[in-house]
Amino acid sequence: MAGNIRLEVVTPEKAVVSEDARIVITPGSFGEFGVLTGHTPFLTSIKTGTVRYINADGNERYVFVSGGFAEALPDKVTVLAESAERRRDIDLERVKAALARAKERLAAKKVVDVNFTRARAALERALYRMKLAASRR
């Protein structure tokens, strides 16, 4: 179908994206899914990754997301993410520091107070953010 769909990407702290898009592609927990105007309504969990979309002007845009849910309606996609940031807003130096911290925590084999599940999740987020930020160069 031709036409635009409204994309909203929000976190508990702020609205990250609120604009019209031709298509929205989101990293669902069971694989990526794409939404065009007129899509059948559904709700799903999302995983860490990149929301890609073509805005109303035909430009491809990228948003890092980590955890949460997505709701697709015939005229709107809402992504409720634990964290999200546009590619242009990713601070590469901050990402490098987060990556180093996560690797350090995972390397600590005998530290009792290290939560390895959280450390692996932090590593995954840092790697996705770094890949996305590096792609704009």
Protein backbone atom coordinates (compact mmCIF):
# COMPACT_ATOMS: atom_id res chain seq x y z
CA MET A 1 0.00 0.00 0.00
CA ALA A 2 1.17 3.51 -0.67
CA GLY A 3 1.26 6.13 2.02
CA ASN A 4 3.00 6.85 5.28
CA ILE A 5 2.77 5.35 8.72
CA ARG A 6 3.49 7.23 11.96
CA LEU A 7 6.58 6.04 13.86
CA GLU A 8 6.95 6.73 17.56
CA VAL A 9 10.05 5.50 19.43
CA VAL A 10 9.91 6.30 23.14
CA THR A 11 11.82 5.40 26.29
CA PRO A 12 10.83 5.98 29.91
CA GLU A 13 12.80 9.25 29.75
CA LYS A 14 11.92 10.77 26.39
CA ALA A 15 10.46 10.57 22.91
CA VAL A 16 13.29 9.70 20.52
CA VAL A 17 11.43 9.64 17.20
CA SER A 18 8.04 10.98 16.19
CA GLU A 19 7.69 11.23 12.42
CA ASP A 20 6.04 9.76 9.37
CA ALA A 21 7.71 6.87 7.56
CA ARG A 22 7.16 4.90 4.39
CA ILE A 23 8.33 1.64 6.03
CA VAL A 24 9.57 0.66 9.50
CA ILE A 25 11.80 -2.38 10.14
CA THR A 26 12.24 -3.41 13.77
CA PRO A 27 14.29 -6.13 15.54
CA GLY A 28 11.60 -8.34 17.03
CA SER A 29 12.45 -11.04 19.55
CA PHE A 30 11.65 -13.70 16.93
CA GLY A 31 13.26 -11.85 14.02
CA GLU A 32 13.00 -8.58 12.15
CA PHE A 33 9.63 -7.41 10.96
CA GLY A 34 8.59 -4.67 8.59
CA VAL A 35 5.49 -2.52 8.78
CA LEU A 36 3.81 -0.55 6.00
CA THR A 37 0.60 1.46 6.19
CA GLY A 38 -2.44 -0.79 6.52
CA HIS A 39 -0.57 -3.47 8.48
CA THR A 40 -2.53 -5.95 10.59
CA PRO A 41 -2.36 -4.92 14.28
CA PHE A 42 -0.02 -6.85 16.55
CA LEU A 43 2.14 -6.47 19.67
CA THR A 44 5.54 -8.07 20.14
CA SER A 45 8.66 -7.83 22.26
CA ILE A 46 11.81 -6.42 20.69
CA LYS A 47 15.45 -7.23 21.18
CA THR A 48 18.58 -5.12 21.11
CA GLY A 49 19.26 -3.89 17.61
CA THR A 50 18.46 -1.22 15.07
CA VAL A 51 15.11 0.18 13.99
CA ARG A 52 15.47 1.17 10.34
CA TYR A 53 12.97 3.31 8.53
CA ILE A 54 12.52 5.33 5.39
CA ASN A 55 11.12 8.72 6.35
CA ALA A 56 8.46 10.56 4.35
CA ASP A 57 11.18 12.31 2.32
CA GLY A 58 12.70 8.97 1.25
CA ASN A 59 15.76 9.13 3.53
CA GLU A 60 16.83 6.03 5.45
CA ARG A 61 17.15 6.58 9.21
CA TYR A 62 18.46 4.42 12.05
CA VAL A 63 17.69 4.20 15.78
CA PHE A 64 19.44 1.94 18.30
CA VAL A 65 16.95 0.21 20.63
CA SER A 66 17.41 -2.10 23.56
CA GLY A 67 14.58 -4.19 24.91
CA GLY A 68 10.92 -3.33 25.13
CA PHE A 69 7.85 -3.76 22.96
CA ALA A 70 6.51 -2.71 19.59
CA GLU A 71 2.90 -2.22 18.60
CA ALA A 72 1.93 -2.13 14.94
CA LEU A 73 -1.38 -0.61 13.91
CA PRO A 74 -2.65 0.12 10.39
CA ASP A 75 -1.51 3.75 10.65
CA LYS A 76 1.14 3.75 13.41
CA VAL A 77 4.13 1.87 14.85
CA THR A 78 5.00 2.53 18.48
CA VAL A 79 8.27 1.23 19.90
CA LEU A 80 8.46 1.35 23.70
CA ALA A 81 12.16 0.73 24.36
CA GLU A 82 14.16 0.45 27.55
CA SER A 83 16.75 2.62 25.83
CA ALA A 84 16.98 4.19 22.39
CA GLU A 85 19.05 6.75 20.54
CA ARG A 86 19.30 7.98 17.00
CA ARG A 87 22.46 7.03 15.16
CA ARG A 88 23.55 10.68 14.95
CA ASP A 89 23.31 11.01 18.76
CA ILE A 90 25.52 8.03 19.64
CA ASP A 91 28.71 9.16 21.39
CA LEU A 92 31.41 6.81 20.11
CA GLU A 93 33.78 7.54 23.00
CA ARG A 94 31.04 6.68 25.51
CA VAL A 95 30.35 3.46 23.61
CA LYS A 96 34.03 2.50 23.68
CA ALA A 97 34.12 3.05 27.46
CA ALA A 98 30.98 0.92 27.94
CA LEU A 99 32.46 -1.81 25.77
CA ALA A 100 35.68 -1.83 27.81
CA ARG A 101 33.73 -2.01 31.10
CA ALA A 102 31.61 -4.90 29.86
CA LYS A 103 34.66 -6.84 28.64
CA GLU A 104 36.41 -6.21 31.97
CA ARG A 105 33.42 -7.54 33.93
CA LEU A 106 33.17 -10.64 31.76
CA ALA A 107 36.89 -11.32 32.14
CA ALA A 108 36.62 -11.30 35.96
CA LYS A 109 36.19 -15.04 36.57
CA LYS A 110 36.22 -15.09 40.37
CA VAL A 111 34.46 -11.89 41.29
CA VAL A 112 31.39 -12.79 43.31
CA ASP A 113 29.43 -9.59 42.75
CA VAL A 114 29.66 -9.59 38.92
CA ASN A 115 26.31 -10.27 37.27
CA PHE A 116 27.41 -12.01 34.07
CA THR A 117 23.96 -11.82 32.47
CA ARG A 118 23.93 -8.04 32.86
CA ALA A 119 27.55 -7.81 31.69
CA ARG A 120 26.76 -9.81 28.53
CA ALA A 121 23.71 -7.58 27.86
CA ALA A 122 25.88 -4.47 28.31
CA LEU A 123 28.44 -5.91 25.91
CA GLU A 124 25.72 -6.64 23.33
CA ARG A 125 24.31 -3.09 23.62
CA ALA A 126 27.76 -1.55 23.26
CA LEU A 127 28.57 -3.64 20.20
CA TYR A 128 25.30 -2.73 18.44
CA ARG A 129 25.75 0.96 19.26
CA MET A 130 29.37 0.92 18.07
CA LYS A 131 28.44 -0.79 14.80
CA LEU A 132 25.64 1.70 14.17
CA ALA A 133 27.74 4.75 15.08
CA ALA A 134 30.64 3.57 12.93
CA SER A 135 28.35 3.12 9.91
CA ARG A 136 27.73 6.87 9.67
CA ARG A 137 31.37 7.62 9.03
